[in-house]
Structure formats: C-alpha cells, structure tokens
N, C-alpha and C. Protein backbone atom coordinates (compact mmCIF):
# COMPACT_ATOMS: atom_id res chain seq x y z
N MET A 1 -2.01 25.02 19.60
CA MET A 1 -2.48 26.31 19.05
C MET A 1 -1.73 26.49 17.69
N PRO A 2 -2.59 26.70 16.56
CA PRO A 2 -1.96 26.93 15.28
C PRO A 2 -1.25 28.16 15.00
N ASN A 3 -0.26 28.24 14.25
CA ASN A 3 0.49 29.49 14.04
C ASN A 3 0.06 30.15 12.75
N LEU A 4 0.13 31.48 12.70
CA LEU A 4 -0.26 32.12 11.51
C LEU A 4 0.53 31.56 10.27
N SER A 5 0.04 31.67 9.04
CA SER A 5 0.74 31.33 7.86
C SER A 5 1.68 32.53 7.60
N PRO A 6 2.74 32.30 6.86
CA PRO A 6 3.75 33.32 6.59
C PRO A 6 3.10 34.41 5.68
N ASP A 7 2.04 34.34 4.98
CA ASP A 7 1.43 35.24 4.20
C ASP A 7 0.52 36.10 5.14
N ASP A 8 -0.21 35.41 6.19
CA ASP A 8 -1.05 36.10 7.16
C ASP A 8 -0.16 36.85 8.12
N HIS A 9 0.97 36.39 8.29
CA HIS A 9 1.88 37.09 9.24
C HIS A 9 2.43 38.42 8.55
N TYR A 10 2.78 38.18 7.31
CA TYR A 10 3.24 39.33 6.45
C TYR A 10 2.22 40.36 6.35
N GLN A 11 1.01 40.09 6.03
CA GLN A 11 -0.25 41.01 5.94
C GLN A 11 -0.50 41.61 7.27
N LEU A 12 -0.47 41.02 8.37
CA LEU A 12 -0.59 41.57 9.73
C LEU A 12 0.38 42.63 10.07
N ARG A 13 1.67 42.24 9.80
CA ARG A 13 2.84 43.17 9.96
C ARG A 13 2.76 44.37 9.00
N LYS A 14 2.35 44.27 7.95
CA LYS A 14 2.16 45.27 6.83
C LYS A 14 1.18 46.30 7.27
N ALA A 15 0.11 45.64 7.77
CA ALA A 15 -1.09 46.48 8.13
C ALA A 15 -0.72 47.36 9.42
N GLN A 16 -0.10 46.72 10.40
CA GLN A 16 0.44 47.39 11.70
C GLN A 16 1.38 48.47 11.24
N ASN A 17 2.26 48.25 10.43
CA ASN A 17 3.29 49.27 9.95
C ASN A 17 2.61 50.47 9.32
N LEU A 18 1.64 50.11 8.54
CA LEU A 18 0.94 51.20 7.85
C LEU A 18 0.10 52.08 8.91
N ALA A 19 -0.58 51.43 9.93
CA ALA A 19 -1.33 52.10 10.98
C ALA A 19 -0.24 52.95 11.81
N ASP A 20 0.92 52.46 12.15
CA ASP A 20 1.90 53.24 12.78
C ASP A 20 2.32 54.43 11.93
N LYS A 21 2.51 54.38 10.71
CA LYS A 21 3.10 55.34 9.85
C LYS A 21 1.89 56.32 9.81
N LYS A 22 0.70 55.97 9.74
CA LYS A 22 -0.48 57.00 9.52
C LYS A 22 -0.60 57.73 10.96
N ALA A 23 -0.37 57.09 11.99
CA ALA A 23 -0.43 57.73 13.37
C ALA A 23 0.55 58.77 13.52
N LEU A 24 1.75 58.43 12.98
CA LEU A 24 3.01 59.47 13.17
C LEU A 24 2.62 60.65 12.05
N GLU A 25 2.04 60.23 10.96
CA GLU A 25 1.64 61.34 10.07
C GLU A 25 0.45 62.31 10.69
N ALA A 26 -0.32 61.78 11.40
CA ALA A 26 -1.32 62.49 12.10
C ALA A 26 -0.83 63.50 13.13
N GLN A 27 0.23 62.79 13.98
CA GLN A 27 0.68 63.54 15.00
C GLN A 27 1.73 64.61 14.35
N ARG A 28 2.23 64.39 13.32
CA ARG A 28 3.03 65.58 12.57
C ARG A 28 2.00 66.61 12.02
N ALA A 29 1.14 66.22 11.45
CA ALA A 29 0.12 67.16 11.10
C ALA A 29 -0.57 68.06 12.27
N GLN A 30 -0.86 67.33 13.28
CA GLN A 30 -1.37 68.13 14.48
C GLN A 30 -0.28 69.13 15.05
N GLY A 31 0.90 68.78 15.01
CA GLY A 31 2.03 69.63 15.42
C GLY A 31 2.12 70.84 14.45
N GLU A 32 2.11 70.53 13.19
CA GLU A 32 1.97 71.71 12.17
C GLU A 32 0.89 72.63 12.39
N LEU A 33 -0.40 72.15 12.64
CA LEU A 33 -1.48 72.87 13.00
C LEU A 33 -1.33 73.83 14.15
N GLY A 34 -0.75 73.17 15.17
CA GLY A 34 -0.46 73.90 16.50
C GLY A 34 0.44 75.07 16.24
N ARG A 35 1.51 74.74 15.44
CA ARG A 35 2.58 75.71 15.05
C ARG A 35 1.85 76.96 14.26
N LEU A 36 1.09 76.48 13.34
CA LEU A 36 0.46 77.62 12.46
C LEU A 36 -0.43 78.51 13.34
N VAL A 37 -1.13 77.79 14.28
CA VAL A 37 -2.22 78.60 15.22
C VAL A 37 -1.28 79.67 16.00
N LEU A 38 -0.17 79.14 16.55
CA LEU A 38 0.67 80.00 17.36
C LEU A 38 1.24 81.18 16.52
N VAL A 39 1.63 80.96 15.30
CA VAL A 39 2.13 82.02 14.43
C VAL A 39 0.94 82.90 14.05
N LEU A 40 -0.28 82.57 13.83
CA LEU A 40 -1.36 83.36 13.49
C LEU A 40 -1.70 84.16 14.70
N GLU A 41 -1.79 83.61 15.91
CA GLU A 41 -1.97 84.29 17.21
C GLU A 41 -1.04 85.35 17.29
N HIS A 42 0.26 85.10 17.04
CA HIS A 42 1.28 86.18 17.06
C HIS A 42 1.14 87.27 16.16
N ARG A 43 0.71 86.88 14.86
CA ARG A 43 0.62 87.71 13.79
C ARG A 43 -0.47 88.77 14.08
N TYR A 44 -1.58 88.28 14.59
CA TYR A 44 -2.66 89.11 14.82
C TYR A 44 -2.83 89.70 16.21
N GLU A 45 -1.55 89.45 16.98
CA GLU A 45 -1.51 90.10 18.40
C GLU A 45 -2.54 89.64 19.23
N LEU A 46 -2.81 88.26 19.30
CA LEU A 46 -3.86 87.76 20.19
C LEU A 46 -3.33 87.25 21.39
N MET A 47 -1.99 87.19 21.58
CA MET A 47 -1.44 86.61 22.67
C MET A 47 -1.84 87.15 24.04
N ASN A 48 -1.97 88.43 24.19
CA ASN A 48 -2.25 89.10 25.42
C ASN A 48 -3.63 89.46 25.47
N THR A 49 -4.50 89.33 24.43
CA THR A 49 -5.88 89.68 24.56
C THR A 49 -6.86 88.59 25.05
N GLY A 50 -6.35 87.34 25.16
CA GLY A 50 -7.26 86.24 25.54
C GLY A 50 -7.95 85.68 24.51
N GLN A 51 -7.79 86.15 23.32
CA GLN A 51 -8.58 85.66 22.14
C GLN A 51 -7.53 84.59 21.66
N ILE A 52 -8.26 83.61 20.83
CA ILE A 52 -7.61 82.51 20.09
C ILE A 52 -8.04 82.24 18.76
N VAL A 53 -7.28 81.63 17.92
CA VAL A 53 -7.61 81.37 16.50
C VAL A 53 -8.21 79.93 16.71
N ASP A 54 -9.44 79.64 16.13
CA ASP A 54 -10.07 78.49 16.20
C ASP A 54 -9.82 77.83 14.77
N PRO A 55 -9.07 76.81 14.84
CA PRO A 55 -8.63 76.13 13.35
C PRO A 55 -9.90 75.40 12.74
N ARG A 56 -10.94 75.01 13.37
CA ARG A 56 -11.97 74.42 12.81
C ARG A 56 -12.79 75.50 12.08
N SER A 57 -13.07 76.67 12.59
CA SER A 57 -13.82 77.64 11.99
C SER A 57 -13.14 78.84 11.23
N ALA A 58 -11.85 78.77 11.41
CA ALA A 58 -10.82 79.64 10.96
C ALA A 58 -11.34 81.17 11.27
N ALA A 59 -11.59 81.25 12.48
CA ALA A 59 -12.04 82.42 13.05
C ALA A 59 -11.24 82.84 14.36
N ILE A 60 -11.31 84.11 14.69
CA ILE A 60 -10.74 84.45 16.00
C ILE A 60 -11.91 84.52 16.93
N GLN A 61 -11.71 83.88 18.04
CA GLN A 61 -12.66 83.78 19.18
C GLN A 61 -12.32 84.12 20.45
N THR A 62 -13.18 84.61 21.21
CA THR A 62 -12.82 84.76 22.70
C THR A 62 -13.36 83.54 23.46
N PRO A 63 -12.55 82.86 24.13
CA PRO A 63 -12.96 81.56 24.75
C PRO A 63 -13.98 81.87 25.93
N ALA A 64 -14.83 80.92 26.13
CA ALA A 64 -15.82 81.17 27.50
C ALA A 64 -14.79 81.19 28.64
N PRO A 65 -15.11 82.01 29.54
CA PRO A 65 -14.28 81.88 30.77
C PRO A 65 -14.62 80.68 31.56
N GLN A 66 -13.50 80.01 32.13
CA GLN A 66 -13.52 78.83 32.90
C GLN A 66 -13.24 79.11 34.23
N GLY A 67 -13.54 78.08 35.08
CA GLY A 67 -13.30 78.22 36.44
C GLY A 67 -11.71 78.32 36.83
N ASP A 68 -11.51 78.33 38.19
CA ASP A 68 -10.17 78.58 38.40
C ASP A 68 -9.49 77.22 38.51
N GLY A 69 -9.95 76.13 38.03
CA GLY A 69 -9.33 74.85 38.02
C GLY A 69 -9.42 73.89 39.19
N ASN A 70 -10.21 74.38 40.10
CA ASN A 70 -10.59 73.55 41.38
C ASN A 70 -11.85 72.97 41.38
N GLY A 71 -12.54 73.01 40.35
CA GLY A 71 -13.76 72.35 40.05
C GLY A 71 -15.05 73.36 40.41
N LYS A 72 -14.59 74.54 40.92
CA LYS A 72 -15.60 75.50 41.18
C LYS A 72 -15.68 76.42 40.06
N GLY A 73 -16.82 77.15 39.81
CA GLY A 73 -16.92 78.12 38.79
C GLY A 73 -16.34 79.42 39.28
N ALA A 74 -16.49 80.44 38.38
CA ALA A 74 -15.96 81.73 38.74
C ALA A 74 -16.74 82.14 39.90
N PRO A 75 -16.31 83.01 40.80
CA PRO A 75 -17.03 83.58 41.96
C PRO A 75 -18.22 84.29 41.62
N GLU A 76 -18.08 85.10 40.53
CA GLU A 76 -19.27 85.80 39.99
C GLU A 76 -20.31 85.06 39.51
N ALA A 77 -19.96 84.00 39.01
CA ALA A 77 -21.06 82.82 38.46
C ALA A 77 -21.84 82.34 39.61
N LEU A 78 -21.12 81.98 40.79
CA LEU A 78 -21.53 81.49 41.95
C LEU A 78 -22.64 82.40 42.55
N PHE A 79 -22.03 83.71 42.57
CA PHE A 79 -22.85 84.69 43.29
C PHE A 79 -24.18 85.01 42.53
N SER A 80 -24.05 84.98 41.13
CA SER A 80 -25.24 85.24 40.38
C SER A 80 -26.21 84.18 40.50
N THR A 81 -25.76 82.96 40.73
CA THR A 81 -26.70 81.72 40.70
C THR A 81 -27.38 81.74 42.11
N GLU A 82 -26.51 82.05 43.26
CA GLU A 82 -27.14 82.35 44.46
C GLU A 82 -28.17 83.42 44.46
N LEU A 83 -27.86 84.60 43.75
CA LEU A 83 -28.93 85.68 43.69
C LEU A 83 -30.12 85.17 42.98
N GLN A 84 -29.96 84.50 41.92
CA GLN A 84 -31.11 84.09 41.18
C GLN A 84 -32.06 83.13 42.00
N GLU A 85 -31.31 82.23 42.76
CA GLU A 85 -32.18 81.33 43.48
C GLU A 85 -32.75 82.08 44.64
N ALA A 86 -32.06 83.10 45.25
CA ALA A 86 -32.86 83.83 46.39
C ALA A 86 -33.95 84.64 45.76
N THR A 87 -33.85 85.22 44.65
CA THR A 87 -34.93 86.06 44.26
C THR A 87 -36.11 85.18 43.55
N ALA A 88 -35.86 83.97 43.17
CA ALA A 88 -36.76 83.01 42.69
C ALA A 88 -37.57 82.49 43.71
N GLY A 89 -37.07 82.33 45.06
CA GLY A 89 -37.64 81.82 46.28
C GLY A 89 -38.67 82.86 46.80
N SER A 90 -38.40 84.16 46.47
CA SER A 90 -39.18 85.23 47.06
C SER A 90 -40.48 85.31 46.51
C-alpha cells in the first residue's frame, strides 16, 4: 500500500485543520446567536408569555402548541379530531 507524499500529507492536514477551525467558528457563532436571542427575549419580556424571537425572520412569534412529549397530541386536538370524525360519519 503506497504512502501519501509529504506534500499530499501536508495538504490533507491543512484542509482538515481548516475544516476544524470553521466548525469551531460556526459553533461560536451559534452560541452568540443563542445568547442574543435570550437577551432580546428578556428585553421584550417574552420569557413568561410563551413567545419567542425567531432569528431567521427577526420577528416575535408564538410557537405552535406541541404535544406533551409522549407522542400524543394535546387532548383538545384529539377530542376535536374524534368529534370531526363522528360528525363526518353521520
């Protein structure tokens, strides 16, 4: 099995180091974004309202309600679905 030439070895290591550096920079930028979102949510008193700052649209949004984490939807959503099915069958 042939070995890499010293120049190819250097180029490969250089590219890997650059990729690692860019990954760390992206991680740092993501952390700064998260910190800024928290600062803005505190500034606009959104913490207790359930609203969030969407960094993509730069807007305050109310997130869609989600289930209780057990894979089931909200009980109201289940009830309305059952009610719709019952009335559709009549």
